[in-house]
Amino acid sequence: MLDVKTFVAISALKTIVAIVVLLTVVAYTVWFERKLVGRIQNRWGPSRVGPFGLLQPLADGLKFIFKEDMTPPYVNRTLYLAAPLIALTLALTSIAVIPFSGPVQIGNISTPLQVTDINIGLLAILGITSVAVYGVALAGWSSNSKYSLLGALRACAQMISYEVALGLSLIGVLMFSQSFSLQEIVTSQSGTWFGFIPKWNIFKGQFVAFFVYLCAAFAETNRIPFDLPEAETELVAGYHTEYSSMKFAMFFMAEYANMFTVAALASLLFLGGWNGPTFGFAEGTIAAGLLHVFWFALRIVFFLFLYVWVRGTLPRFRYDQLMAFSWKVLLPLALANILVTGLVVALRS
């Protein structure tokens, strides 16, 4: 059992490392997206700042810092300034309960590679991401602009609609794992069938739930083909039309941080999390922990690639199609998956 000072020191260190890693991932996800979309559209993408354009995120960050920070005179100043702060803070907070590996032994201290391990980690992430809609809603309303308000209304309706399907898609996973703890959900997917088929939830019959989750996650993060709140053709930029400089960058960072969160959650819930071969290293050692982080990161990169691939290939929905797809397609599929999964679990027991 750790004493209080050691526990606080380890938690503080893990918090700093998690925030630095997340912000770095956010910066280079932007670079990755620009390079990949460039290839899809038969152009180069970032290539001038640093080798292969790798310093482009740093240049973009400096540009945002030194741009003129304008606040329109007609906005509700308090809420206008609070909105991007709320969006970014909540986006960064969700990383606290995401486990990157199981417990690792460092000296005489055993600690999971996770800021905090709580037994309702999944509910905590769903709660944090649900509250994030307030940042968008406040941004649209406080800007005192019709474009921003319409974007915020679209975002609220969209996020509330798709949260229903997203939440229902996870119930099948919870039936199999019998826990809200992300550590225990990953542990329940360890091992293989016949020596080569992983016991991931997607192979336990949750492929329909995975499809529903994936579509709802795209909509929750306002990404193409569900980026109606930011539709440039009719809303200029949506709920952040009146934002500039670092305030706009905070919304930008929050969106990419949310992409990382839903990719990590999809990996944990459906694709076995950090489970993978450790090549003979004993569980709990630093080497095994680093391998777990590698397998987990590989799955996250796959989902981020999928985000960019969809952006480069699919057109945007009409708004009526967007809402109909949630309530008429994803919701019935999620309910049907719960029914079938419940029958399978009941028959097994």
Protein backbone atom coordinates (compact mmCIF):
# COMPACT_ATOMS: atom_id res chain seq x y z
CA MET A 1 0.00 0.00 0.00
CA LEU A 2 1.45 3.38 -1.03
CA ASP A 3 1.70 6.22 1.45
CA VAL A 4 -0.09 9.47 0.64
CA LYS A 5 3.00 11.42 -0.47
CA THR A 6 4.14 8.69 -2.85
CA PHE A 7 0.64 8.29 -4.26
CA VAL A 8 0.28 12.04 -4.88
CA ALA A 9 3.75 12.26 -6.47
CA ILE A 10 3.08 9.32 -8.81
CA SER A 11 -0.37 10.68 -9.74
CA ALA A 12 1.08 14.14 -10.47
CA LEU A 13 3.84 12.64 -12.62
CA LYS A 14 1.37 10.50 -14.56
CA THR A 15 -0.91 13.53 -15.07
CA ILE A 16 1.93 15.63 -16.51
CA VAL A 17 3.07 12.80 -18.80
CA ALA A 18 -0.51 12.12 -19.99
CA ILE A 19 -1.17 15.80 -20.81
CA VAL A 20 2.17 16.19 -22.64
CA VAL A 21 1.57 12.98 -24.62
CA LEU A 22 -2.01 13.96 -25.47
CA LEU A 23 -1.08 17.46 -26.64
CA THR A 24 1.74 15.99 -28.75
CA VAL A 25 -0.64 13.44 -30.25
CA VAL A 26 -3.16 16.22 -31.01
CA ALA A 27 -0.50 18.28 -32.79
CA TYR A 28 0.77 15.40 -34.90
CA THR A 29 -2.71 14.07 -35.64
CA VAL A 30 -3.26 17.35 -37.50
CA TRP A 31 0.01 16.75 -39.41
CA PHE A 32 -1.00 13.12 -40.09
CA GLU A 33 -4.40 14.20 -41.38
CA ARG A 34 -2.98 16.89 -43.68
CA LYS A 35 -0.39 14.49 -45.11
CA LEU A 36 -2.88 11.66 -45.63
CA VAL A 37 -5.60 13.85 -47.16
CA GLY A 38 -2.90 15.32 -49.40
CA ARG A 39 -2.05 11.84 -50.64
CA ILE A 40 -5.71 10.99 -51.16
CA GLN A 41 -6.14 14.17 -53.22
CA ASN A 42 -2.84 13.61 -55.10
CA ARG A 43 -0.88 16.48 -53.53
CA TRP A 44 1.99 16.74 -51.04
CA GLY A 45 0.54 18.17 -47.84
CA PRO A 46 2.96 19.80 -45.35
CA SER A 47 6.51 19.39 -46.66
CA ARG A 48 8.47 22.64 -46.12
CA VAL A 49 8.79 23.17 -42.34
CA GLY A 50 11.26 20.55 -41.13
CA PRO A 51 11.91 17.14 -42.69
CA PHE A 52 8.68 15.78 -44.22
CA GLY A 53 6.92 18.81 -42.71
CA LEU A 54 7.28 17.39 -39.19
CA LEU A 55 7.73 20.85 -37.65
CA GLN A 56 4.50 22.13 -39.23
CA PRO A 57 2.48 21.63 -35.99
CA LEU A 58 5.01 23.82 -34.14
CA ALA A 59 4.75 26.51 -36.83
CA ASP A 60 0.94 26.38 -36.67
CA GLY A 61 1.05 26.71 -32.88
CA LEU A 62 3.30 29.76 -33.06
CA LYS A 63 1.01 31.27 -35.68
CA PHE A 64 -2.02 30.90 -33.40
CA ILE A 65 -0.12 32.39 -30.45
CA PHE A 66 1.01 35.50 -32.34
CA LYS A 67 -2.21 36.15 -34.29
CA GLU A 68 -4.31 39.11 -33.14
CA ASP A 69 -6.80 37.97 -30.53
CA MET A 70 -10.02 39.75 -31.43
CA THR A 71 -13.15 39.77 -29.26
CA PRO A 72 -16.19 41.21 -31.04
CA PRO A 73 -17.86 44.03 -29.05
CA TYR A 74 -21.35 42.51 -29.22
CA VAL A 75 -20.62 39.15 -27.52
CA ASN A 76 -21.46 38.01 -23.98
CA ARG A 77 -17.84 38.32 -22.90
CA THR A 78 -17.86 35.99 -19.87
CA LEU A 79 -19.47 33.03 -21.62
CA TYR A 80 -17.63 33.79 -24.86
CA LEU A 81 -14.28 33.38 -23.09
CA ALA A 82 -15.44 30.43 -20.97
CA ALA A 83 -16.72 28.29 -23.86
CA PRO A 84 -13.36 27.28 -25.44
CA LEU A 85 -11.89 26.73 -21.97
CA ILE A 86 -14.74 24.36 -21.08
CA ALA A 87 -14.38 22.48 -24.39
CA LEU A 88 -10.62 21.97 -24.05
CA THR A 89 -10.64 21.20 -20.31
CA LEU A 90 -13.25 18.46 -20.67
CA ALA A 91 -11.49 17.03 -23.73
CA LEU A 92 -8.23 16.75 -21.76
CA THR A 93 -9.92 15.45 -18.60
CA SER A 94 -11.19 12.25 -20.20
CA ILE A 95 -7.61 11.01 -20.72
CA ALA A 96 -7.33 10.57 -16.93
CA VAL A 97 -9.33 7.32 -16.83
CA ILE A 98 -7.99 5.72 -20.02
CA PRO A 99 -5.58 2.83 -19.20
CA PHE A 100 -2.61 2.38 -21.56
CA SER A 101 -1.47 -0.84 -19.89
CA GLY A 102 -2.06 -3.03 -16.88
CA PRO A 103 -0.05 -2.67 -13.65
CA VAL A 104 3.72 -2.24 -14.14
CA GLN A 105 6.33 -2.95 -11.46
CA ILE A 106 8.82 -0.07 -11.12
CA GLY A 107 11.23 -0.82 -8.27
CA ASN A 108 9.02 -1.79 -5.34
CA ILE A 109 6.03 0.16 -6.65
CA SER A 110 3.30 -1.41 -8.80
CA THR A 111 1.16 1.09 -10.69
CA PRO A 112 -1.05 0.95 -13.80
CA LEU A 113 -0.12 3.17 -16.74
CA GLN A 114 -3.22 5.25 -16.08
CA VAL A 115 -3.71 8.52 -14.24
CA THR A 116 -6.49 7.10 -12.08
CA ASP A 117 -8.10 3.67 -12.01
CA ILE A 118 -11.74 3.89 -10.98
CA ASN A 119 -14.27 1.07 -11.15
CA ILE A 120 -16.72 3.17 -13.18
CA GLY A 121 -14.23 4.44 -15.73
CA LEU A 122 -16.56 3.94 -18.69
CA LEU A 123 -19.36 5.91 -17.03
CA ALA A 124 -16.89 8.67 -16.14
CA ILE A 125 -15.82 9.08 -19.78
CA LEU A 126 -19.42 9.07 -21.02
CA GLY A 127 -20.33 11.69 -18.42
CA ILE A 128 -17.38 13.94 -19.28
CA THR A 129 -18.01 13.76 -23.03
CA SER A 130 -21.72 14.44 -22.50
CA VAL A 131 -21.00 17.65 -20.58
CA ALA A 132 -18.66 18.80 -23.38
CA VAL A 133 -21.69 19.89 -25.43
CA TYR A 134 -22.01 22.88 -23.10
CA GLY A 135 -18.81 24.39 -24.48
CA VAL A 136 -20.25 24.28 -28.00
CA ALA A 137 -23.68 25.55 -26.93
CA LEU A 138 -22.23 28.46 -24.95
CA ALA A 139 -19.89 29.38 -27.81
CA GLY A 140 -22.78 29.62 -30.26
CA TRP A 141 -25.12 31.53 -27.97
CA SER A 142 -22.56 33.96 -26.50
CA SER A 143 -21.17 34.91 -29.94
CA ASN A 144 -24.43 36.75 -30.72
CA SER A 145 -24.19 35.63 -34.36
CA LYS A 146 -26.82 33.77 -36.35
CA TYR A 147 -24.21 31.49 -37.95
CA SER A 148 -22.72 30.58 -34.59
CA LEU A 149 -26.14 30.02 -33.03
CA LEU A 150 -27.29 27.75 -35.86
CA GLY A 151 -24.05 25.79 -35.61
CA ALA A 152 -24.48 25.37 -31.85
CA LEU A 153 -28.11 24.25 -32.22
CA ARG A 154 -27.09 21.71 -34.83
CA ALA A 155 -24.26 20.46 -32.62
CA CYS A 156 -26.49 20.07 -29.56
CA ALA A 157 -29.20 18.18 -31.46
CA GLN A 158 -26.63 16.01 -33.20
CA MET A 159 -24.62 15.14 -30.08
CA ILE A 160 -27.70 14.37 -27.99
CA SER A 161 -29.18 12.18 -30.75
CA TYR A 162 -26.03 10.17 -31.37
CA GLU A 163 -25.18 9.82 -27.67
CA VAL A 164 -28.26 7.62 -27.32
CA ALA A 165 -27.05 5.19 -29.98
CA LEU A 166 -23.46 5.35 -28.70
CA GLY A 167 -24.48 4.54 -25.14
CA LEU A 168 -26.73 1.66 -26.21
CA SER A 169 -23.98 0.20 -28.41
CA LEU A 170 -21.83 -0.34 -25.30
CA ILE A 171 -24.37 -2.40 -23.35
CA GLY A 172 -23.46 -5.62 -25.17
CA VAL A 173 -19.82 -5.14 -24.15
CA LEU A 174 -20.88 -4.57 -20.54
CA MET A 175 -22.95 -7.78 -20.61
CA PHE A 176 -19.88 -9.79 -21.56
CA SER A 177 -17.40 -8.08 -19.22
CA GLN A 178 -19.78 -7.60 -16.25
CA SER A 179 -17.93 -4.42 -15.25
CA PHE A 180 -17.69 -0.66 -15.87
CA SER A 181 -13.94 -0.72 -15.14
CA LEU A 182 -11.88 -0.23 -18.31
CA GLN A 183 -9.08 -2.35 -16.82
CA GLU A 184 -11.48 -5.27 -16.25
CA ILE A 185 -13.09 -4.86 -19.68
CA VAL A 186 -9.66 -5.23 -21.31
CA THR A 187 -8.75 -8.16 -19.04
CA SER A 188 -11.96 -9.97 -20.09
CA GLN A 189 -10.70 -9.86 -23.70
CA SER A 190 -7.32 -11.49 -23.01
CA GLY A 191 -6.45 -14.87 -24.48
CA THR A 192 -7.34 -16.55 -27.78
CA TRP A 193 -9.58 -19.18 -29.28
CA PHE A 194 -7.79 -22.09 -31.03
CA GLY A 195 -4.49 -20.32 -30.38
CA PHE A 196 -4.88 -17.56 -32.98
CA ILE A 197 -8.33 -15.88 -32.79
CA PRO A 198 -8.24 -13.06 -30.18
CA LYS A 199 -11.04 -13.00 -27.62
CA TRP A 200 -11.89 -9.41 -28.49
CA ASN A 201 -15.46 -8.26 -28.07
CA ILE A 202 -15.79 -7.61 -31.81
CA PHE A 203 -15.19 -11.36 -32.33
CA LYS A 204 -17.69 -12.24 -29.58
CA GLY A 205 -20.54 -11.05 -31.79
CA GLN A 206 -20.30 -7.31 -31.11
CA PHE A 207 -19.54 -6.29 -34.71
CA VAL A 208 -22.96 -4.58 -35.02
CA ALA A 209 -22.29 -2.68 -31.79
CA PHE A 210 -18.86 -1.74 -33.17
CA PHE A 211 -20.45 -0.33 -36.34
CA VAL A 212 -22.99 1.67 -34.31
CA TYR A 213 -20.27 2.97 -31.98
CA LEU A 214 -18.06 3.97 -34.90
CA CYS A 215 -20.81 5.94 -36.67
CA ALA A 216 -21.91 7.60 -33.42
CA ALA A 217 -18.29 8.48 -32.56
CA PHE A 218 -17.85 10.21 -35.91
CA ALA A 219 -20.99 12.23 -35.24
CA GLU A 220 -20.04 13.01 -31.63
CA THR A 221 -16.75 14.51 -32.74
CA ASN A 222 -18.40 16.52 -35.56
CA ARG A 223 -16.30 14.92 -38.27
CA ILE A 224 -17.13 14.34 -41.94
CA PRO A 225 -19.63 13.06 -42.99
CA PHE A 226 -21.31 14.41 -39.82
CA ASP A 227 -19.70 17.87 -39.63
CA LEU A 228 -22.95 19.81 -40.04
CA PRO A 229 -22.24 22.13 -37.05
CA GLU A 230 -19.16 23.46 -38.88
CA ALA A 231 -20.49 23.36 -42.45
CA GLU A 232 -18.42 25.99 -44.30
CA THR A 233 -20.80 26.30 -47.26
CA GLU A 234 -23.75 27.58 -45.24
CA LEU A 235 -22.47 28.45 -41.73
CA VAL A 236 -18.98 29.90 -42.45
CA ALA A 237 -17.45 27.90 -39.57
CA GLY A 238 -20.41 27.16 -37.32
CA TYR A 239 -20.26 27.70 -33.57
CA HIS A 240 -16.69 29.10 -33.64
CA THR A 241 -17.23 31.61 -36.46
CA GLU A 242 -16.50 34.57 -34.15
CA TYR A 243 -13.39 33.03 -32.56
CA SER A 244 -9.79 33.75 -33.51
CA SER A 245 -6.22 33.15 -32.36
CA MET A 246 -5.78 30.83 -29.35
CA LYS A 247 -9.51 30.73 -28.55
CA PHE A 248 -10.14 29.14 -31.93
CA ALA A 249 -7.10 26.88 -31.42
CA MET A 250 -8.63 25.61 -28.17
CA PHE A 251 -11.72 24.39 -30.02
CA PHE A 252 -9.44 22.89 -32.65
CA MET A 253 -7.39 21.05 -30.00
CA ALA A 254 -10.53 19.87 -28.20
CA GLU A 255 -11.87 18.27 -31.39
CA TYR A 256 -8.67 16.30 -31.99
CA ALA A 257 -8.38 15.34 -28.31
CA ASN A 258 -11.94 13.98 -28.51
CA MET A 259 -10.95 12.00 -31.61
CA PHE A 260 -8.12 10.43 -29.60
CA THR A 261 -10.51 9.62 -26.73
CA VAL A 262 -13.12 7.84 -28.86
CA ALA A 263 -10.35 5.97 -30.73
CA ALA A 264 -8.84 4.83 -27.42
CA LEU A 265 -12.27 3.84 -26.10
CA ALA A 266 -13.05 1.85 -29.25
CA SER A 267 -9.72 0.03 -28.86
CA LEU A 268 -10.40 -0.76 -25.21
CA LEU A 269 -13.99 -1.90 -25.66
CA PHE A 270 -13.91 -3.79 -28.94
CA LEU A 271 -10.33 -4.57 -30.01
CA GLY A 272 -8.74 -5.89 -26.84
CA GLY A 273 -7.12 -2.67 -25.62
CA TRP A 274 -3.43 -3.24 -24.98
CA ASN A 275 -3.61 -7.06 -25.31
CA GLY A 276 -0.96 -8.46 -27.61
CA PRO A 277 2.16 -10.66 -27.66
CA THR A 278 4.82 -9.77 -25.08
CA PHE A 279 7.51 -11.96 -26.71
CA GLY A 280 8.40 -13.77 -23.51
CA PHE A 281 8.57 -10.77 -21.19
CA ALA A 282 6.79 -11.40 -17.90
CA GLU A 283 3.57 -9.50 -17.24
CA GLY A 284 4.13 -6.53 -14.96
CA THR A 285 7.65 -5.81 -16.13
CA ILE A 286 8.55 -2.49 -17.78
CA ALA A 287 9.32 -4.22 -21.10
CA ALA A 288 5.89 -5.90 -21.16
CA GLY A 289 4.25 -2.58 -20.22
CA LEU A 290 5.96 -0.79 -23.12
CA LEU A 291 4.82 -3.53 -25.51
CA HIS A 292 1.27 -3.12 -24.23
CA VAL A 293 1.48 0.62 -24.87
CA PHE A 294 2.78 -0.12 -28.39
CA TRP A 295 -0.15 -2.45 -29.25
CA PHE A 296 -2.62 0.04 -27.82
CA ALA A 297 -1.08 2.94 -29.77
CA LEU A 298 -1.19 0.85 -32.95
CA ARG A 299 -4.95 0.39 -32.60
CA ILE A 300 -5.44 4.11 -31.92
CA VAL A 301 -3.46 4.99 -35.07
CA PHE A 302 -5.72 2.63 -37.03
CA PHE A 303 -8.81 4.51 -35.86
CA LEU A 304 -7.26 7.90 -36.57
CA PHE A 305 -6.38 6.65 -40.06
CA LEU A 306 -10.02 5.61 -40.46
CA TYR A 307 -11.14 9.12 -39.44
CA VAL A 308 -8.94 10.71 -42.09
CA TRP A 309 -9.79 8.15 -44.75
CA VAL A 310 -13.52 8.77 -44.30
CA ARG A 311 -12.95 12.53 -44.41
CA GLY A 312 -11.11 12.21 -47.72
CA THR A 313 -13.70 9.98 -49.41
CA LEU A 314 -17.25 10.63 -48.17
CA PRO A 315 -19.49 13.67 -48.79
CA ARG A 316 -21.40 15.50 -46.06
CA PHE A 317 -24.95 14.40 -45.15
CA ARG A 318 -27.94 16.70 -45.36
CA TYR A 319 -29.18 17.59 -41.90
CA ASP A 320 -32.43 15.62 -42.25
CA GLN A 321 -30.41 12.58 -43.37
CA LEU A 322 -28.10 13.04 -40.38
CA MET A 323 -30.94 12.94 -37.84
CA ALA A 324 -32.84 10.17 -39.65
CA PHE A 325 -29.72 7.98 -39.69
CA SER A 326 -29.43 8.27 -35.90
CA TRP A 327 -33.05 7.60 -34.95
CA LYS A 328 -34.12 5.27 -37.78
CA VAL A 329 -30.96 3.22 -38.38
CA LEU A 330 -28.47 3.31 -35.51
CA LEU A 331 -30.97 3.27 -32.64
CA PRO A 332 -32.89 0.16 -33.90
CA LEU A 333 -29.58 -1.59 -34.63
CA ALA A 334 -28.31 -0.85 -31.10
CA LEU A 335 -31.55 -2.11 -29.53
CA ALA A 336 -31.49 -5.27 -31.67
CA ASN A 337 -27.88 -5.90 -30.61
CA ILE A 338 -28.87 -5.60 -26.93
CA LEU A 339 -31.70 -8.10 -27.43
CA VAL A 340 -29.54 -10.67 -29.25
CA THR A 341 -26.63 -10.26 -26.82
CA GLY A 342 -28.97 -10.66 -23.87
CA LEU A 343 -30.33 -13.92 -25.31
CA VAL A 344 -26.79 -15.24 -25.93
CA VAL A 345 -25.68 -14.38 -22.38
CA ALA A 346 -28.84 -15.94 -20.91
CA LEU A 347 -28.36 -19.17 -22.90
CA ARG A 348 -24.70 -19.40 -21.85
CA SER A 349 -25.56 -19.00 -18.19
